[in-house]
């Protein structure tokens, strides 16, 4: 059976569990899942947490790659125009 609990509900449940004000059983009961599943969500949440702080690094790398690709496209466009002119002047076009 698949788990159809919305991700925002899972996050709230995990945060409640991390606060420690309620037991896993209490929280799981309120969400409609088994406490073991709640603990799995917590493990996944904590394992993925460091990625939140890597966002800037990933965005910077994507921006750098985009700039490089734009440079390459510009260079290829200039080369293409040059080759068109050369081939036209040689009567090859």
N, C-alpha and C. Protein backbone atom coordinates (compact mmCIF):
# COMPACT_ATOMS: atom_id res chain seq x y z
N UNK A 1 0.83 -1.17 0.00
CA UNK A 1 0.00 0.00 0.00
C UNK A 1 0.88 1.24 0.00
N UNK A 2 0.61 2.16 -0.90
CA UNK A 2 1.41 3.38 -1.01
C UNK A 2 0.99 4.39 0.03
N UNK A 3 1.95 5.22 0.39
CA UNK A 3 1.71 6.26 1.37
C UNK A 3 1.31 7.54 0.63
N UNK A 4 0.10 8.02 0.86
CA UNK A 4 -0.40 9.21 0.16
C UNK A 4 -0.49 10.42 1.07
N UNK A 5 0.39 10.52 2.01
CA UNK A 5 0.39 11.67 2.91
C UNK A 5 1.22 12.78 2.26
N UNK A 6 0.67 13.98 2.22
CA UNK A 6 1.33 15.11 1.56
C UNK A 6 2.67 15.42 2.21
N UNK A 7 3.60 15.89 1.40
CA UNK A 7 4.95 16.17 1.89
C UNK A 7 4.96 17.24 2.98
N UNK A 8 4.09 18.25 2.89
CA UNK A 8 4.08 19.28 3.93
C UNK A 8 3.60 18.72 5.27
N UNK A 9 2.71 17.74 5.21
CA UNK A 9 2.25 17.08 6.44
C UNK A 9 3.40 16.27 7.04
N UNK A 10 4.15 15.61 6.19
CA UNK A 10 5.30 14.82 6.66
C UNK A 10 6.32 15.73 7.34
N UNK A 11 6.59 16.88 6.72
CA UNK A 11 7.56 17.82 7.30
C UNK A 11 7.10 18.29 8.67
N UNK A 12 5.83 18.68 8.75
CA UNK A 12 5.31 19.14 10.05
C UNK A 12 5.40 18.05 11.10
N UNK A 13 5.11 16.81 10.70
CA UNK A 13 5.17 15.69 11.63
C UNK A 13 6.61 15.46 12.10
N UNK A 14 7.55 15.52 11.18
CA UNK A 14 8.96 15.33 11.54
C UNK A 14 9.43 16.45 12.46
N UNK A 15 9.04 17.68 12.16
CA UNK A 15 9.43 18.79 13.02
C UNK A 15 8.85 18.64 14.43
N UNK A 16 7.61 18.17 14.50
CA UNK A 16 7.01 17.91 15.83
C UNK A 16 7.82 16.86 16.57
N UNK A 17 8.21 15.82 15.84
CA UNK A 17 8.98 14.74 16.46
C UNK A 17 10.32 15.27 16.96
N UNK A 18 10.96 16.13 16.17
CA UNK A 18 12.25 16.69 16.56
C UNK A 18 12.14 17.61 17.76
N UNK A 19 11.01 18.28 17.90
CA UNK A 19 10.81 19.16 19.06
C UNK A 19 10.74 18.35 20.35
N UNK A 20 10.27 17.11 20.24
CA UNK A 20 10.22 16.23 21.39
C UNK A 20 9.09 16.49 22.36
N UNK A 21 8.12 17.28 21.96
CA UNK A 21 7.00 17.58 22.86
C UNK A 21 5.91 16.50 22.82
N UNK A 22 5.91 15.71 21.76
CA UNK A 22 4.97 14.60 21.62
C UNK A 22 5.75 13.36 21.26
N UNK A 23 5.17 12.22 21.55
CA UNK A 23 5.81 10.95 21.20
C UNK A 23 5.55 10.65 19.73
N UNK A 24 6.34 9.74 19.20
CA UNK A 24 6.16 9.31 17.81
C UNK A 24 4.78 8.69 17.62
N UNK A 25 4.31 7.98 18.62
CA UNK A 25 3.00 7.35 18.55
C UNK A 25 1.90 8.41 18.46
N UNK A 26 2.00 9.46 19.26
CA UNK A 26 1.00 10.53 19.24
C UNK A 26 0.98 11.24 17.88
N UNK A 27 2.15 11.56 17.40
CA UNK A 27 2.24 12.28 16.12
C UNK A 27 1.76 11.39 14.98
N UNK A 28 2.21 10.16 14.95
CA UNK A 28 1.82 9.22 13.89
C UNK A 28 0.31 9.02 13.89
N UNK A 29 -0.27 8.93 15.05
CA UNK A 29 -1.71 8.76 15.16
C UNK A 29 -2.44 9.96 14.55
N UNK A 30 -1.94 11.15 14.82
CA UNK A 30 -2.57 12.35 14.28
C UNK A 30 -2.42 12.47 12.78
N UNK A 31 -1.34 11.94 12.24
CA UNK A 31 -1.07 12.01 10.80
C UNK A 31 -1.72 10.85 10.05
N UNK A 32 -1.90 9.75 10.75
CA UNK A 32 -2.49 8.57 10.12
C UNK A 32 -1.47 7.63 9.52
N UNK A 33 -0.36 7.49 10.22
CA UNK A 33 0.66 6.55 9.75
C UNK A 33 1.20 5.77 10.95
N UNK A 34 2.06 4.82 10.68
CA UNK A 34 2.69 4.03 11.73
C UNK A 34 3.91 4.78 12.26
N UNK A 35 4.19 4.70 13.55
CA UNK A 35 5.35 5.39 14.12
C UNK A 35 6.68 5.04 13.43
N UNK A 36 6.79 3.81 12.95
CA UNK A 36 8.01 3.41 12.25
C UNK A 36 8.19 4.23 10.98
N UNK A 37 7.09 4.47 10.28
CA UNK A 37 7.15 5.28 9.07
C UNK A 37 7.56 6.71 9.40
N UNK A 38 7.05 7.22 10.48
CA UNK A 38 7.41 8.57 10.94
C UNK A 38 8.91 8.64 11.22
N UNK A 39 9.45 7.63 11.83
CA UNK A 39 10.89 7.61 12.11
C UNK A 39 11.70 7.53 10.82
N UNK A 40 11.18 6.83 9.80
CA UNK A 40 11.85 6.79 8.49
C UNK A 40 11.86 8.17 7.85
N UNK A 41 10.73 8.89 7.97
CA UNK A 41 10.66 10.26 7.44
C UNK A 41 11.70 11.14 8.12
N UNK A 42 11.83 10.95 9.42
CA UNK A 42 12.79 11.75 10.19
C UNK A 42 14.20 11.48 9.68
N UNK A 43 14.54 10.22 9.46
CA UNK A 43 15.88 9.86 8.97
C UNK A 43 16.13 10.48 7.59
N UNK A 44 15.14 10.40 6.71
CA UNK A 44 15.28 10.99 5.37
C UNK A 44 15.41 12.51 5.45
N UNK A 45 14.63 13.11 6.34
CA UNK A 45 14.66 14.56 6.54
C UNK A 45 16.05 15.00 6.99
N UNK A 46 16.58 14.33 7.99
CA UNK A 46 17.89 14.69 8.52
C UNK A 46 19.00 14.41 7.52
N UNK A 47 18.88 13.34 6.75
CA UNK A 47 19.89 13.02 5.74
C UNK A 47 19.90 14.07 4.63
N UNK A 48 18.74 14.62 4.30
CA UNK A 48 18.66 15.60 3.23
C UNK A 48 18.87 17.03 3.66
N UNK A 49 18.88 17.27 4.96
CA UNK A 49 19.00 18.64 5.48
C UNK A 49 20.24 19.39 5.00
N UNK A 50 21.41 18.77 4.93
CA UNK A 50 22.60 19.52 4.48
C UNK A 50 22.46 20.09 3.07
N UNK A 51 21.65 19.46 2.24
CA UNK A 51 21.48 19.94 0.86
C UNK A 51 20.84 21.32 0.82
N UNK A 52 20.08 21.66 1.83
CA UNK A 52 19.43 22.96 1.90
C UNK A 52 20.47 24.07 1.85
N UNK A 53 21.60 23.85 2.49
CA UNK A 53 22.63 24.87 2.57
C UNK A 53 23.60 24.82 1.40
N UNK A 54 23.45 23.84 0.53
CA UNK A 54 24.29 23.74 -0.66
C UNK A 54 23.64 24.43 -1.86
N UNK A 55 22.45 24.93 -1.72
CA UNK A 55 21.70 25.52 -2.83
C UNK A 55 22.50 26.61 -3.52
N UNK A 56 23.10 27.51 -2.78
CA UNK A 56 23.87 28.62 -3.36
C UNK A 56 25.01 28.08 -4.21
N UNK A 57 25.68 27.07 -3.71
CA UNK A 57 26.81 26.46 -4.43
C UNK A 57 26.33 25.86 -5.75
N UNK A 58 25.21 25.16 -5.72
CA UNK A 58 24.66 24.54 -6.92
C UNK A 58 24.22 25.61 -7.92
N UNK A 59 23.57 26.66 -7.43
CA UNK A 59 23.14 27.75 -8.31
C UNK A 59 24.33 28.43 -8.95
N UNK A 60 25.39 28.66 -8.20
CA UNK A 60 26.60 29.28 -8.73
C UNK A 60 27.21 28.42 -9.83
N UNK A 61 27.24 27.12 -9.62
CA UNK A 61 27.80 26.20 -10.62
C UNK A 61 26.95 26.21 -11.88
N UNK A 62 25.62 26.22 -11.72
CA UNK A 62 24.73 26.26 -12.89
C UNK A 62 24.92 27.56 -13.66
N UNK A 63 25.07 28.67 -12.96
CA UNK A 63 25.28 29.96 -13.60
C UNK A 63 26.60 29.96 -14.37
N UNK A 64 27.64 29.38 -13.78
CA UNK A 64 28.94 29.28 -14.44
C UNK A 64 28.84 28.44 -15.71
N UNK A 65 28.13 27.32 -15.63
CA UNK A 65 27.96 26.45 -16.79
C UNK A 65 27.17 27.17 -17.89
N UNK A 66 26.14 27.91 -17.51
CA UNK A 66 25.34 28.65 -18.47
C UNK A 66 26.19 29.70 -19.18
N UNK A 67 27.02 30.42 -18.44
CA UNK A 67 27.91 31.42 -19.04
C UNK A 67 28.86 30.77 -20.04
N UNK A 68 29.40 29.62 -19.66
CA UNK A 68 30.32 28.91 -20.55
C UNK A 68 29.61 28.47 -21.83
N UNK A 69 28.41 27.96 -21.69
CA UNK A 69 27.64 27.54 -22.87
C UNK A 69 27.30 28.73 -23.76
N UNK A 70 26.95 29.86 -23.16
CA UNK A 70 26.66 31.06 -23.94
C UNK A 70 27.89 31.52 -24.70
N UNK A 71 29.07 31.44 -24.06
CA UNK A 71 30.33 31.80 -24.74
C UNK A 71 30.56 30.88 -25.93
N UNK A 72 30.33 29.59 -25.72
CA UNK A 72 30.55 28.62 -26.79
C UNK A 72 29.59 28.86 -27.95
N UNK A 73 28.33 29.16 -27.65
CA UNK A 73 27.34 29.43 -28.70
C UNK A 73 27.76 30.68 -29.48
N UNK A 74 28.20 31.71 -28.79
CA UNK A 74 28.66 32.93 -29.46
C UNK A 74 29.83 32.65 -30.37
N UNK A 75 30.79 31.91 -29.88
CA UNK A 75 31.98 31.57 -30.67
C UNK A 75 31.58 30.77 -31.92
N UNK A 76 30.70 29.80 -31.73
CA UNK A 76 30.24 28.98 -32.87
C UNK A 76 29.46 29.81 -33.88
N UNK A 77 28.67 30.76 -33.39
CA UNK A 77 27.91 31.63 -34.29
C UNK A 77 28.86 32.46 -35.15
N UNK A 78 29.91 33.00 -34.54
CA UNK A 78 30.91 33.79 -35.29
C UNK A 78 31.61 32.91 -36.31
N UNK A 79 32.00 31.72 -35.90
CA UNK A 79 32.67 30.79 -36.82
C UNK A 79 31.75 30.41 -37.97
N UNK A 80 30.49 30.19 -37.66
CA UNK A 80 29.52 29.81 -38.68
C UNK A 80 29.37 30.93 -39.72
N UNK A 81 29.26 32.17 -39.26
CA UNK A 81 29.14 33.31 -40.17
C UNK A 81 30.38 33.44 -41.03
N UNK A 82 31.54 33.26 -40.42
CA UNK A 82 32.80 33.33 -41.17
C UNK A 82 32.82 32.27 -42.28
N UNK A 83 32.46 31.05 -41.93
CA UNK A 83 32.46 29.97 -42.91
C UNK A 83 31.45 30.20 -44.02
N UNK A 84 30.30 30.80 -43.71
CA UNK A 84 29.32 31.12 -44.73
C UNK A 84 29.89 32.13 -45.72
N UNK A 85 30.58 33.17 -45.20
CA UNK A 85 31.17 34.20 -46.06
C UNK A 85 32.27 33.62 -46.93
N UNK A 86 33.11 32.77 -46.34
CA UNK A 86 34.20 32.15 -47.09
C UNK A 86 33.64 31.26 -48.19
N UNK A 87 32.65 30.45 -47.84
CA UNK A 87 32.09 29.52 -48.83
C UNK A 87 31.37 30.30 -49.93
N UNK A 88 30.74 31.42 -49.58
CA UNK A 88 30.06 32.24 -50.61
C UNK A 88 31.09 32.89 -51.52
N UNK A 89 32.19 33.36 -50.95
CA UNK A 89 33.22 34.02 -51.77
C UNK A 89 33.92 33.02 -52.68
N UNK A 90 33.94 31.76 -52.30
CA UNK A 90 34.55 30.72 -53.13
C UNK A 90 33.53 30.10 -54.10
N UNK A 91 32.29 30.57 -53.98
CA UNK A 91 31.24 30.05 -54.86
C UNK A 91 30.76 28.67 -54.46
N UNK A 92 30.94 28.31 -53.22
CA UNK A 92 30.54 26.99 -52.74
C UNK A 92 29.14 27.00 -52.14
N UNK A 93 28.60 28.17 -51.89
CA UNK A 93 27.32 28.24 -51.22
C UNK A 93 26.17 28.27 -52.20
